[in-house]
Amino acid sequence: MTELRFLSPSQCAEGSTASPLRRALDGAPEQVRDLSLQGVLELRGDIARVEAGEGEELVRLSPRRGFLFTPGDPFEAVARVRAAGVLAYDSTGALAGLALEGEQLMRRLTDLELTKLPAAGPFARVSALVLRDEGERFRVYVPQELGHDVALAVLDALAGLELAP
């Protein structure tokens, strides 16, 4: 067996997948968005051999480990990356993703140095992949089974900021 289609949400019947964060983020403020169903590939091997396609983002954590974020079908991206000789796994279903706004909010949730992102490290007391977009916009990916609790911790920290003088 060379393909594990059952691990790829994009290969499931339409309407049969749901974000692990949907209940926690129901009615959430606009500073927090759900990214859980966007395509994420974990890469192992010579990452220099991988080129991001149109609309994709390649995040290198080390010369031999990285992530590819894709707006298209992750299953097709896996095949393309493997053809380049790099191990690729569709991690879309394994990770819960959050988009956050606010550096002060991030400082309440992680000790990572925000000027040195991307990085893997602690976020809301769990292991996470943390990326910085433009300005005060961030993306955080955690194991999907912890996503609901992490989302609640983010909302709690955000509520605390709104109550602060």
C-alpha atoms as a PDB file:
ATOM      1  CA  MET A   1       0.000   0.000   0.000  1.00  0.00           C
ATOM      2  CA  THR A   2       1.560   3.284  -1.082  1.00  0.00           C
ATOM      3  CA  GLU A   3      -1.399   5.611  -0.580  1.00  0.00           C
ATOM      4  CA  LEU A   4      -3.466   6.116   2.527  1.00  0.00           C
ATOM      5  CA  ARG A   5      -6.485   7.859   1.039  1.00  0.00           C
ATOM      6  CA  PHE A   6      -8.537   7.350   4.196  1.00  0.00           C
ATOM      7  CA  LEU A   7      -6.213   9.758   6.051  1.00  0.00           C
ATOM      8  CA  SER A   8      -6.965  12.618   3.639  1.00  0.00           C
ATOM      9  CA  PRO A   9     -10.105  14.648   4.374  1.00  0.00           C
ATOM     10  CA  SER A  10     -10.145  15.750   0.725  1.00  0.00           C
ATOM     11  CA  GLN A  11     -10.775  12.118  -0.243  1.00  0.00           C
ATOM     12  CA  CYS A  12     -13.847  11.773   1.996  1.00  0.00           C
ATOM     13  CA  ALA A  13     -17.402  12.054   0.781  1.00  0.00           C
ATOM     14  CA  GLU A  14     -18.547  15.661   0.509  1.00  0.00           C
ATOM     15  CA  GLY A  15     -20.162  16.873   3.722  1.00  0.00           C
ATOM     16  CA  SER A  16     -18.665  14.069   5.832  1.00  0.00           C
ATOM     17  CA  THR A  17     -15.853  16.132   7.368  1.00  0.00           C
ATOM     18  CA  ALA A  18     -16.081  18.811  10.026  1.00  0.00           C
ATOM     19  CA  SER A  19     -13.603  21.020  11.791  1.00  0.00           C
ATOM     20  CA  PRO A  20     -12.588  19.946  15.304  1.00  0.00           C
ATOM     21  CA  LEU A  21     -13.011  23.605  16.257  1.00  0.00           C
ATOM     22  CA  ARG A  22     -16.528  24.238  14.948  1.00  0.00           C
ATOM     23  CA  ARG A  23     -18.253  24.063  18.353  1.00  0.00           C
ATOM     24  CA  ALA A  24     -15.580  25.988  20.234  1.00  0.00           C
ATOM     25  CA  LEU A  25     -15.487  28.786  17.656  1.00  0.00           C
ATOM     26  CA  ASP A  26     -19.227  29.080  17.101  1.00  0.00           C
ATOM     27  CA  GLY A  27     -19.917  32.793  17.564  1.00  0.00           C
ATOM     28  CA  ALA A  28     -16.213  33.607  18.096  1.00  0.00           C
ATOM     29  CA  PRO A  29     -15.001  37.171  17.525  1.00  0.00           C
ATOM     30  CA  GLU A  30     -13.412  38.000  14.173  1.00  0.00           C
ATOM     31  CA  GLN A  31      -9.887  37.993  15.699  1.00  0.00           C
ATOM     32  CA  VAL A  32     -10.037  34.174  15.704  1.00  0.00           C
ATOM     33  CA  ARG A  33     -10.725  32.076  12.593  1.00  0.00           C
ATOM     34  CA  ASP A  34     -10.773  28.350  11.913  1.00  0.00           C
ATOM     35  CA  LEU A  35      -8.177  27.034   9.435  1.00  0.00           C
ATOM     36  CA  SER A  36      -8.612  23.347  10.206  1.00  0.00           C
ATOM     37  CA  LEU A  37      -9.887  22.205   6.819  1.00  0.00           C
ATOM     38  CA  GLN A  38      -7.153  23.903   4.776  1.00  0.00           C
ATOM     39  CA  GLY A  39      -4.573  21.525   3.313  1.00  0.00           C
ATOM     40  CA  VAL A  40      -1.428  20.816   5.363  1.00  0.00           C
ATOM     41  CA  LEU A  41       1.371  18.425   4.400  1.00  0.00           C
ATOM     42  CA  GLU A  42       4.173  17.364   6.715  1.00  0.00           C
ATOM     43  CA  LEU A  43       7.449  16.962   4.838  1.00  0.00           C
ATOM     44  CA  ARG A  44      10.509  14.868   5.749  1.00  0.00           C
ATOM     45  CA  GLY A  45      13.686  14.645   3.709  1.00  0.00           C
ATOM     46  CA  ASP A  46      15.646  17.114   1.590  1.00  0.00           C
ATOM     47  CA  ILE A  47      13.208  20.034   1.763  1.00  0.00           C
ATOM     48  CA  ALA A  48      15.318  21.971  -0.773  1.00  0.00           C
ATOM     49  CA  ARG A  49      13.897  19.626  -3.430  1.00  0.00           C
ATOM     50  CA  VAL A  50      10.360  20.914  -2.820  1.00  0.00           C
ATOM     51  CA  GLU A  51       8.939  23.897  -4.651  1.00  0.00           C
ATOM     52  CA  ALA A  52       5.694  25.460  -3.542  1.00  0.00           C
ATOM     53  CA  GLY A  53       3.030  25.605  -6.218  1.00  0.00           C
ATOM     54  CA  GLU A  54       0.741  28.522  -6.933  1.00  0.00           C
ATOM     55  CA  GLY A  55      -0.987  29.705  -3.759  1.00  0.00           C
ATOM     56  CA  GLU A  56       1.044  27.305  -1.589  1.00  0.00           C
ATOM     57  CA  GLU A  57       3.343  28.164   1.302  1.00  0.00           C
ATOM     58  CA  LEU A  58       6.414  26.119   2.182  1.00  0.00           C
ATOM     59  CA  VAL A  59       7.552  26.451   5.805  1.00  0.00           C
ATOM     60  CA  ARG A  60      10.999  25.063   6.578  1.00  0.00           C
ATOM     61  CA  LEU A  61      11.620  24.163  10.213  1.00  0.00           C
ATOM     62  CA  SER A  62      14.975  22.573   9.397  1.00  0.00           C
ATOM     63  CA  PRO A  63      16.744  21.399   6.229  1.00  0.00           C
ATOM     64  CA  ARG A  64      14.985  18.025   6.594  1.00  0.00           C
ATOM     65  CA  ARG A  65      11.598  18.919   8.066  1.00  0.00           C
ATOM     66  CA  GLY A  66       8.871  21.281   6.985  1.00  0.00           C
ATOM     67  CA  PHE A  67       5.223  21.852   6.156  1.00  0.00           C
ATOM     68  CA  LEU A  68       3.477  22.712   2.923  1.00  0.00           C
ATOM     69  CA  PHE A  69       0.203  24.620   3.182  1.00  0.00           C
ATOM     70  CA  THR A  70      -1.950  24.244   0.097  1.00  0.00           C
ATOM     71  CA  PRO A  71      -5.305  25.703  -0.935  1.00  0.00           C
ATOM     72  CA  GLY A  72      -5.778  22.848  -3.411  1.00  0.00           C
ATOM     73  CA  ASP A  73      -6.236  19.132  -2.871  1.00  0.00           C
ATOM     74  CA  PRO A  74      -3.539  18.006  -0.399  1.00  0.00           C
ATOM     75  CA  PHE A  75      -3.688  14.488  -1.803  1.00  0.00           C
ATOM     76  CA  GLU A  76      -2.460  15.748  -5.189  1.00  0.00           C
ATOM     77  CA  ALA A  77       0.268  17.823  -3.500  1.00  0.00           C
ATOM     78  CA  VAL A  78       1.466  14.709  -1.633  1.00  0.00           C
ATOM     79  CA  ALA A  79       1.948  12.891  -4.932  1.00  0.00           C
ATOM     80  CA  ARG A  80       3.849  15.865  -6.421  1.00  0.00           C
ATOM     81  CA  VAL A  81       6.175  16.194  -3.407  1.00  0.00           C
ATOM     82  CA  ARG A  82       6.833  12.439  -3.259  1.00  0.00           C
ATOM     83  CA  ALA A  83       7.743  12.516  -6.957  1.00  0.00           C
ATOM     84  CA  ALA A  84      10.483  15.013  -5.975  1.00  0.00           C
ATOM     85  CA  GLY A  85      11.905  12.393  -3.578  1.00  0.00           C
ATOM     86  CA  VAL A  86      10.630  13.859  -0.302  1.00  0.00           C
ATOM     87  CA  LEU A  87       8.361  12.051   2.154  1.00  0.00           C
ATOM     88  CA  ALA A  88       5.025  13.824   2.410  1.00  0.00           C
ATOM     89  CA  TYR A  89       2.032  13.095   4.609  1.00  0.00           C
ATOM     90  CA  ASP A  90      -1.374  14.737   4.444  1.00  0.00           C
ATOM     91  CA  SER A  91      -1.695  16.181   7.954  1.00  0.00           C
ATOM     92  CA  THR A  92      -4.885  18.104   7.279  1.00  0.00           C
ATOM     93  CA  GLY A  93      -6.963  15.755   9.429  1.00  0.00           C
ATOM     94  CA  ALA A  94      -4.292  15.528  12.125  1.00  0.00           C
ATOM     95  CA  LEU A  95      -4.056  19.246  12.870  1.00  0.00           C
ATOM     96  CA  ALA A  96      -6.457  21.927  14.034  1.00  0.00           C
ATOM     97  CA  GLY A  97      -5.571  25.369  12.719  1.00  0.00           C
ATOM     98  CA  LEU A  98      -6.373  28.804  14.090  1.00  0.00           C
ATOM     99  CA  ALA A  99      -5.767  32.260  12.654  1.00  0.00           C
ATOM    100  CA  LEU A 100      -5.320  34.866  15.400  1.00  0.00           C
ATOM    101  CA  GLU A 101      -4.889  38.619  15.490  1.00  0.00           C
ATOM    102  CA  GLY A 102      -2.999  40.496  18.155  1.00  0.00           C
ATOM    103  CA  GLU A 103       0.526  40.283  19.468  1.00  0.00           C
ATOM    104  CA  GLN A 104      -0.674  40.861  23.027  1.00  0.00           C
ATOM    105  CA  LEU A 105      -2.993  37.859  22.707  1.00  0.00           C
ATOM    106  CA  MET A 106      -0.116  35.725  21.429  1.00  0.00           C
ATOM    107  CA  ARG A 107       2.117  36.790  24.323  1.00  0.00           C
ATOM    108  CA  ARG A 108      -0.514  35.491  26.743  1.00  0.00           C
ATOM    109  CA  LEU A 109      -0.565  32.107  25.017  1.00  0.00           C
ATOM    110  CA  THR A 110       3.082  31.363  24.159  1.00  0.00           C
ATOM    111  CA  ASP A 111       6.622  32.024  25.309  1.00  0.00           C
ATOM    112  CA  LEU A 112       7.969  31.680  21.773  1.00  0.00           C
ATOM    113  CA  GLU A 113       9.898  34.679  20.464  1.00  0.00           C
ATOM    114  CA  LEU A 114       7.370  36.190  18.066  1.00  0.00           C
ATOM    115  CA  THR A 115      10.071  37.846  15.943  1.00  0.00           C
ATOM    116  CA  LYS A 116      11.634  34.443  15.200  1.00  0.00           C
ATOM    117  CA  LEU A 117       8.634  32.636  13.748  1.00  0.00           C
ATOM    118  CA  PRO A 118       7.904  30.136  12.258  1.00  0.00           C
ATOM    119  CA  ALA A 119       8.697  27.806  15.116  1.00  0.00           C
ATOM    120  CA  ALA A 120       7.467  24.668  16.779  1.00  0.00           C
ATOM    121  CA  GLY A 121       6.929  25.020  20.506  1.00  0.00           C
ATOM    122  CA  PRO A 122       4.475  25.575  23.341  1.00  0.00           C
ATOM    123  CA  PHE A 123       1.193  27.333  22.752  1.00  0.00           C
ATOM    124  CA  ALA A 124      -1.581  27.259  25.370  1.00  0.00           C
ATOM    125  CA  ARG A 125       0.451  24.499  27.077  1.00  0.00           C
ATOM    126  CA  VAL A 126       0.481  22.138  24.080  1.00  0.00           C
ATOM    127  CA  SER A 127       2.975  21.556  21.268  1.00  0.00           C
ATOM    128  CA  ALA A 128       2.179  23.685  18.260  1.00  0.00           C
ATOM    129  CA  LEU A 129       3.448  25.014  14.970  1.00  0.00           C
ATOM    130  CA  VAL A 130       3.269  28.813  15.147  1.00  0.00           C
ATOM    131  CA  LEU A 131       3.603  31.082  12.114  1.00  0.00           C
ATOM    132  CA  ARG A 132       3.478  34.822  11.710  1.00  0.00           C
ATOM    133  CA  ASP A 133       1.657  36.360   8.782  1.00  0.00           C
ATOM    134  CA  GLU A 134       1.630  40.091   8.116  1.00  0.00           C
ATOM    135  CA  GLY A 135       1.675  42.518  11.039  1.00  0.00           C
ATOM    136  CA  GLU A 136      -0.088  41.093  14.075  1.00  0.00           C
ATOM    137  CA  ARG A 137      -1.631  38.113  12.309  1.00  0.00           C
ATOM    138  CA  PHE A 138      -0.606  34.613  13.313  1.00  0.00           C
ATOM    139  CA  ARG A 139      -1.475  31.012  12.498  1.00  0.00           C
ATOM    140  CA  VAL A 140      -1.278  28.188  15.003  1.00  0.00           C
ATOM    141  CA  TYR A 141      -1.583  24.454  14.316  1.00  0.00           C
ATOM    142  CA  VAL A 142      -2.056  21.947  17.148  1.00  0.00           C
ATOM    143  CA  PRO A 143      -2.965  18.241  17.277  1.00  0.00           C
ATOM    144  CA  GLN A 144      -6.641  18.058  16.305  1.00  0.00           C
ATOM    145  CA  GLU A 145      -7.617  16.141  19.437  1.00  0.00           C
ATOM    146  CA  LEU A 146      -6.456  19.136  21.504  1.00  0.00           C
ATOM    147  CA  GLY A 147      -7.869  21.771  19.159  1.00  0.00           C
ATOM    148  CA  HIS A 148     -11.168  22.322  20.969  1.00  0.00           C
ATOM    149  CA  ASP A 149      -9.458  22.978  24.312  1.00  0.00           C
ATOM    150  CA  VAL A 150      -6.818  25.208  22.714  1.00  0.00           C
ATOM    151  CA  ALA A 151      -9.550  27.222  20.976  1.00  0.00           C
ATOM    152  CA  LEU A 152     -11.306  27.691  24.334  1.00  0.00           C
ATOM    153  CA  ALA A 153      -8.005  28.841  25.888  1.00  0.00           C
ATOM    154  CA  VAL A 154      -7.576  31.370  23.063  1.00  0.00           C
ATOM    155  CA  LEU A 155     -11.106  32.704  23.546  1.00  0.00           C
ATOM    156  CA  ASP A 156     -10.544  32.913  27.312  1.00  0.00           C
ATOM    157  CA  ALA A 157      -7.295  34.861  26.823  1.00  0.00           C
ATOM    158  CA  LEU A 158      -9.025  37.162  24.345  1.00  0.00           C
ATOM    159  CA  ALA A 159     -11.879  37.805  26.788  1.00  0.00           C
ATOM    160  CA  GLY A 160      -9.322  38.639  29.475  1.00  0.00           C
ATOM    161  CA  LEU A 161      -7.717  41.211  27.186  1.00  0.00           C
ATOM    162  CA  GLU A 162     -11.051  42.811  26.454  1.00  0.00           C
ATOM    163  CA  LEU A 163     -11.779  43.114  30.194  1.00  0.00           C
ATOM    164  CA  ALA A 164      -8.357  44.587  30.999  1.00  0.00           C
ATOM    165  CA  PRO A 165      -8.286  48.366  31.524  1.00  0.00           C
END
